[in-house]
Amino acid sequence: MRKNTTLLMLFCLSLFSVAVAQETAPAVAEDAQAPAPAQTIAEAYAQAAPAPAPQTVSEPTEIHVGARVGLGFSQFRGHPALVTPSGTHKVKLQPSLAASAGAIAQIGITPMISVAPELQWSLYRASAELEGQNKGSVNNKSGSYHYDGRAALMGVYMHSVELPILARFHFDNLYGEIGPQVGFNIYSRIYKNANYYDPDINRFAFGVAAGGGIELGGLLLGARLHFGFLDYSKDAEGVPWNFEFNVGKFFF
């Protein structure tokens, strides 16, 4: 009887050991699959987090300053013919040599577009000349008048300070430009030989300028046309315009 009881106790102990082993085995497996250390979790979070948007840094606006000179010809559109000093002929004025000079700037807006303000002095001229030999005769070969034995030098000139504000468009080394031009007329004179007359000048001038050229390492080689809209004088008709070739240089 006692032997049977001992066997029964050993059998129950065996069953209890098996049950305990089954309960502890999954825990060991779970421990084997335990979460990674904190460093591994941080790395996984960093990989899962969205990457920050790249920050763009805008390029500074390019500003260049320099000087420009121009030489060409000008005329006063619609100017009445001048009468010779003797009063024998009326002479229509022809385009004459003109010039300009001043400071220039260029402010970059985009790689292809910039604003180009300028401050310049300009000389506008229109003139005529008659050769004098025999009074009242006409040279049929040259078509020139000979009216009183003296040559007649007649013309108009005007000095102005002007401010063109141009939009400049860049195409590699080439450029085109267009924009308004305002001005302040300083002084004007109408002359007939040694006889001078100072017209009642209009101080304010307004027009449009357009041109183009080539830019080589800060050197501008171009041509420009300015077309005025207002008469240069209150008592003498005539709207100034000029066409010139110009050279500009940016110093910095």
Protein backbone atom coordinates (compact mmCIF):
# COMPACT_ATOMS: atom_id res chain seq x y z
CA MET A 1 0.00 0.00 0.00
CA ARG A 2 2.76 2.36 0.98
CA LYS A 3 4.61 1.50 -2.23
CA ASN A 4 1.62 2.36 -4.34
CA THR A 5 1.25 5.67 -2.58
CA THR A 6 4.89 6.52 -3.28
CA LEU A 7 4.50 5.69 -6.96
CA LEU A 8 1.39 7.81 -7.13
CA MET A 9 3.22 10.78 -5.59
CA LEU A 10 6.13 10.41 -8.01
CA PHE A 11 3.68 10.32 -10.97
CA CYS A 12 1.95 13.50 -9.78
CA LEU A 13 5.29 15.24 -9.30
CA SER A 14 6.25 14.32 -12.84
CA LEU A 15 3.00 15.77 -14.21
CA PHE A 16 3.58 18.99 -12.23
CA SER A 17 7.13 19.33 -13.62
CA VAL A 18 5.89 18.90 -17.19
CA ALA A 19 3.20 21.55 -16.66
CA VAL A 20 5.70 24.02 -15.24
CA ALA A 21 8.05 23.41 -18.17
CA GLN A 22 5.28 24.12 -20.66
CA GLU A 23 4.39 27.40 -18.91
CA THR A 24 7.95 28.69 -18.76
CA ALA A 25 8.98 27.73 -22.33
CA PRO A 26 6.93 30.50 -24.14
CA ALA A 27 8.29 33.07 -21.74
CA VAL A 28 11.83 32.10 -22.67
CA ALA A 29 10.90 32.34 -26.36
CA GLU A 30 9.35 35.72 -25.77
CA ASP A 31 12.51 36.79 -23.96
CA ALA A 32 14.49 35.71 -27.02
CA GLN A 33 12.33 38.05 -29.16
CA ALA A 34 12.48 40.94 -26.71
CA PRO A 35 12.67 44.51 -28.08
CA ALA A 36 16.01 45.78 -29.25
CA PRO A 37 18.03 48.15 -27.07
CA ALA A 38 17.09 51.83 -26.92
CA GLN A 39 19.69 52.79 -29.55
CA THR A 40 18.12 50.46 -32.10
CA ILE A 41 14.67 51.91 -31.37
CA ALA A 42 15.98 55.45 -31.87
CA GLU A 43 17.48 54.50 -35.19
CA ALA A 44 14.22 52.91 -36.30
CA TYR A 45 12.34 56.09 -35.32
CA ALA A 46 14.76 58.21 -37.24
CA GLN A 47 14.23 56.10 -40.33
CA ALA A 48 10.47 56.26 -39.98
CA ALA A 49 10.32 60.02 -39.34
CA PRO A 50 9.87 62.22 -42.46
CA ALA A 51 13.01 63.94 -43.69
CA PRO A 52 13.05 67.74 -43.17
CA ALA A 53 12.36 69.83 -46.28
CA PRO A 54 15.55 71.26 -47.86
CA GLN A 55 16.05 74.96 -47.21
CA THR A 56 16.69 77.10 -50.28
CA VAL A 57 18.95 80.12 -50.01
CA SER A 58 18.14 82.92 -52.48
CA GLU A 59 21.06 84.45 -54.36
CA PRO A 60 21.80 88.11 -53.60
CA THR A 61 20.69 90.65 -56.17
CA GLU A 62 23.55 91.67 -58.49
CA ILE A 63 24.08 95.42 -58.78
CA HIS A 64 26.62 96.93 -61.19
CA VAL A 65 27.58 100.59 -61.54
CA GLY A 66 29.61 102.27 -64.26
CA ALA A 67 29.72 104.96 -66.95
CA ARG A 68 28.61 105.33 -70.56
CA VAL A 69 29.32 107.63 -73.54
CA GLY A 70 27.41 107.86 -76.81
CA LEU A 71 27.90 109.51 -80.19
CA GLY A 72 25.42 109.74 -83.03
CA PHE A 73 23.04 112.20 -84.67
CA SER A 74 19.84 114.00 -83.69
CA GLN A 75 17.04 116.10 -85.12
CA PHE A 76 14.00 118.11 -84.01
CA ARG A 77 11.01 116.47 -85.65
CA GLY A 78 8.56 118.98 -87.13
CA HIS A 79 10.86 121.98 -86.67
CA PRO A 80 9.96 124.82 -89.08
CA ALA A 81 12.50 125.88 -91.70
CA LEU A 82 14.84 128.68 -90.68
CA VAL A 83 15.02 131.83 -92.77
CA THR A 84 18.46 132.95 -93.90
CA PRO A 85 19.83 136.14 -92.29
CA SER A 86 19.08 138.06 -95.49
CA GLY A 87 15.53 136.71 -95.54
CA THR A 88 15.92 135.34 -99.07
CA HIS A 89 15.52 131.61 -98.40
CA LYS A 90 13.97 129.14 -95.98
CA VAL A 91 16.22 126.28 -95.00
CA LYS A 92 15.07 123.00 -93.52
CA LEU A 93 17.23 121.66 -90.73
CA GLN A 94 19.02 118.36 -91.17
CA PRO A 95 20.20 115.78 -88.59
CA SER A 96 23.47 116.78 -86.99
CA LEU A 97 26.12 115.35 -84.69
CA ALA A 98 24.94 114.67 -81.12
CA ALA A 99 26.43 113.15 -77.99
CA SER A 100 25.67 111.92 -74.48
CA ALA A 101 27.57 110.83 -71.38
CA GLY A 102 26.71 109.79 -67.86
CA ALA A 103 26.49 107.18 -65.11
CA ILE A 104 24.78 103.81 -65.52
CA ALA A 105 23.60 101.03 -63.23
CA GLN A 106 22.22 97.53 -63.68
CA ILE A 107 20.11 95.77 -61.04
CA GLY A 108 19.53 92.06 -61.63
CA ILE A 109 15.99 90.78 -61.13
CA THR A 110 16.38 87.34 -62.70
CA PRO A 111 19.23 85.80 -64.73
CA MET A 112 17.49 87.09 -67.88
CA ILE A 113 15.96 90.41 -66.73
CA SER A 114 17.45 93.47 -65.08
CA VAL A 115 16.56 97.13 -64.54
CA ALA A 116 19.02 99.69 -65.94
CA PRO A 117 18.58 103.26 -64.63
CA GLU A 118 20.92 105.95 -65.97
CA LEU A 119 21.69 109.61 -65.37
CA GLN A 120 23.16 111.39 -68.39
CA TRP A 121 23.86 114.67 -70.10
CA SER A 122 22.71 114.86 -73.73
CA LEU A 123 23.37 117.29 -76.56
CA TYR A 124 20.76 117.53 -79.34
CA ARG A 125 21.61 119.33 -82.58
CA ALA A 126 20.11 120.01 -85.99
CA SER A 127 21.75 122.30 -88.52
CA ALA A 128 21.91 123.52 -92.11
CA GLU A 129 24.50 125.25 -94.23
CA LEU A 130 24.21 127.26 -97.46
CA GLU A 131 27.18 128.23 -99.57
CA GLY A 132 27.27 131.83 -100.77
CA GLN A 133 28.81 132.96 -104.07
CA ASN A 134 26.59 134.95 -106.42
CA LYS A 135 23.53 136.64 -105.03
CA GLY A 136 20.30 134.96 -106.07
CA SER A 137 21.90 132.25 -108.23
CA VAL A 138 21.52 128.48 -107.92
CA ASN A 139 24.24 125.93 -108.58
CA ASN A 140 22.42 123.35 -110.69
CA LYS A 141 25.17 120.75 -110.34
CA SER A 142 25.27 120.65 -106.55
CA GLY A 143 21.75 121.89 -105.98
CA SER A 144 23.02 124.34 -103.36
CA TYR A 145 21.73 127.89 -103.02
CA HIS A 146 23.98 130.92 -103.47
CA TYR A 147 22.06 133.81 -102.11
CA ASP A 148 24.15 136.80 -101.04
CA GLY A 149 27.84 136.05 -101.28
CA ARG A 150 28.09 134.68 -97.70
CA ALA A 151 27.74 131.15 -96.34
CA ALA A 152 24.80 130.71 -94.00
CA LEU A 153 25.33 128.52 -90.92
CA MET A 154 22.05 127.90 -89.15
CA GLY A 155 20.79 125.44 -86.59
CA VAL A 156 19.38 124.55 -83.19
CA TYR A 157 21.02 122.90 -80.20
CA MET A 158 19.89 121.95 -76.73
CA HIS A 159 21.49 120.60 -73.56
CA SER A 160 19.49 118.25 -71.33
CA VAL A 161 19.87 116.13 -68.21
CA GLU A 162 18.01 112.85 -68.66
CA LEU A 163 17.00 109.78 -66.67
CA PRO A 164 16.31 106.65 -68.76
CA ILE A 165 14.83 103.74 -66.79
CA LEU A 166 15.19 100.68 -69.01
CA ALA A 167 14.16 97.06 -68.74
CA ARG A 168 17.10 95.02 -70.04
CA PHE A 169 16.68 91.47 -71.37
CA HIS A 170 19.75 89.22 -71.53
CA PHE A 171 20.32 86.44 -74.08
CA ASP A 172 23.76 84.99 -73.37
CA ASN A 173 26.09 87.88 -74.31
CA LEU A 174 23.41 89.80 -76.21
CA TYR A 175 20.89 92.18 -74.65
CA GLY A 176 17.89 94.26 -75.63
CA GLU A 177 16.46 97.20 -73.70
CA ILE A 178 13.41 99.45 -73.69
CA GLY A 179 11.82 101.91 -71.30
CA PRO A 180 10.72 105.49 -70.59
CA GLN A 181 13.07 108.44 -70.49
CA VAL A 182 12.37 111.67 -68.62
CA GLY A 183 14.51 114.75 -68.86
CA PHE A 184 15.14 118.33 -67.77
CA ASN A 185 16.05 120.71 -70.60
CA ILE A 186 18.74 123.11 -69.42
CA TYR A 187 19.54 125.38 -72.32
CA SER A 188 18.69 125.85 -75.99
CA ARG A 189 19.67 128.24 -78.77
CA ILE A 190 18.71 128.96 -82.36
CA TYR A 191 21.51 130.51 -84.40
CA LYS A 192 21.88 132.08 -87.84
CA ASN A 193 25.52 132.89 -88.45
CA ALA A 194 26.35 135.33 -85.63
CA ASN A 195 22.70 135.99 -84.81
CA TYR A 196 21.44 134.06 -81.78
CA TYR A 197 18.00 133.58 -80.33
CA ASP A 198 17.19 131.83 -77.05
CA PRO A 199 13.75 130.20 -77.33
CA ASP A 200 11.38 129.90 -74.39
CA ILE A 201 12.39 126.34 -73.59
CA ASN A 202 10.14 123.64 -72.13
CA ARG A 203 11.95 122.36 -69.08
CA PHE A 204 10.26 118.96 -68.89
CA ALA A 205 10.98 116.31 -71.51
CA PHE A 206 9.54 112.83 -71.92
CA GLY A 207 10.05 110.04 -74.42
CA VAL A 208 10.91 106.39 -74.90
CA ALA A 209 14.30 104.77 -75.48
CA ALA A 210 15.06 101.37 -77.00
CA GLY A 211 18.19 99.61 -78.13
CA GLY A 212 20.43 96.61 -77.79
CA GLY A 213 23.96 95.36 -78.06
CA ILE A 214 26.53 92.95 -76.72
CA GLU A 215 27.98 92.59 -73.22
CA LEU A 216 31.53 91.30 -72.81
CA GLY A 217 32.89 91.04 -69.28
CA GLY A 218 31.18 94.19 -68.01
CA LEU A 219 31.75 96.11 -71.26
CA LEU A 220 28.57 97.17 -73.11
CA LEU A 221 28.71 97.90 -76.83
CA GLY A 222 25.35 98.94 -78.22
CA ALA A 223 23.08 101.28 -80.12
CA ARG A 224 20.04 103.18 -78.90
CA LEU A 225 17.19 105.25 -80.31
CA HIS A 226 15.43 107.91 -78.23
CA PHE A 227 12.11 109.28 -79.45
CA GLY A 228 10.69 112.34 -77.69
CA PHE A 229 7.02 113.23 -77.34
CA LEU A 230 7.11 116.92 -76.32
CA ASP A 231 8.20 120.10 -78.14
CA TYR A 232 11.49 121.43 -76.88
CA SER A 233 10.24 125.04 -76.81
CA LYS A 234 7.05 126.95 -76.08
CA ASP A 235 7.55 129.36 -78.99
CA ALA A 236 9.25 127.05 -81.50
CA GLU A 237 7.96 123.66 -82.61
CA GLY A 238 10.22 120.66 -82.71
CA VAL A 239 10.34 117.32 -80.89
CA PRO A 240 13.88 116.01 -80.24
CA TRP A 241 15.02 112.51 -81.15
CA ASN A 242 18.43 110.94 -81.51
CA PHE A 243 20.16 107.73 -82.54
CA GLU A 244 23.58 106.90 -81.17
CA PHE A 245 26.19 104.22 -80.73
CA ASN A 246 27.33 103.90 -77.16
CA VAL A 247 30.01 102.29 -75.02
CA GLY A 248 29.43 101.49 -71.35
CA LYS A 249 31.66 99.98 -68.68
CA PHE A 250 30.74 98.56 -65.26
CA PHE A 251 33.46 99.35 -62.71
CA PHE A 252 31.95 97.17 -59.96
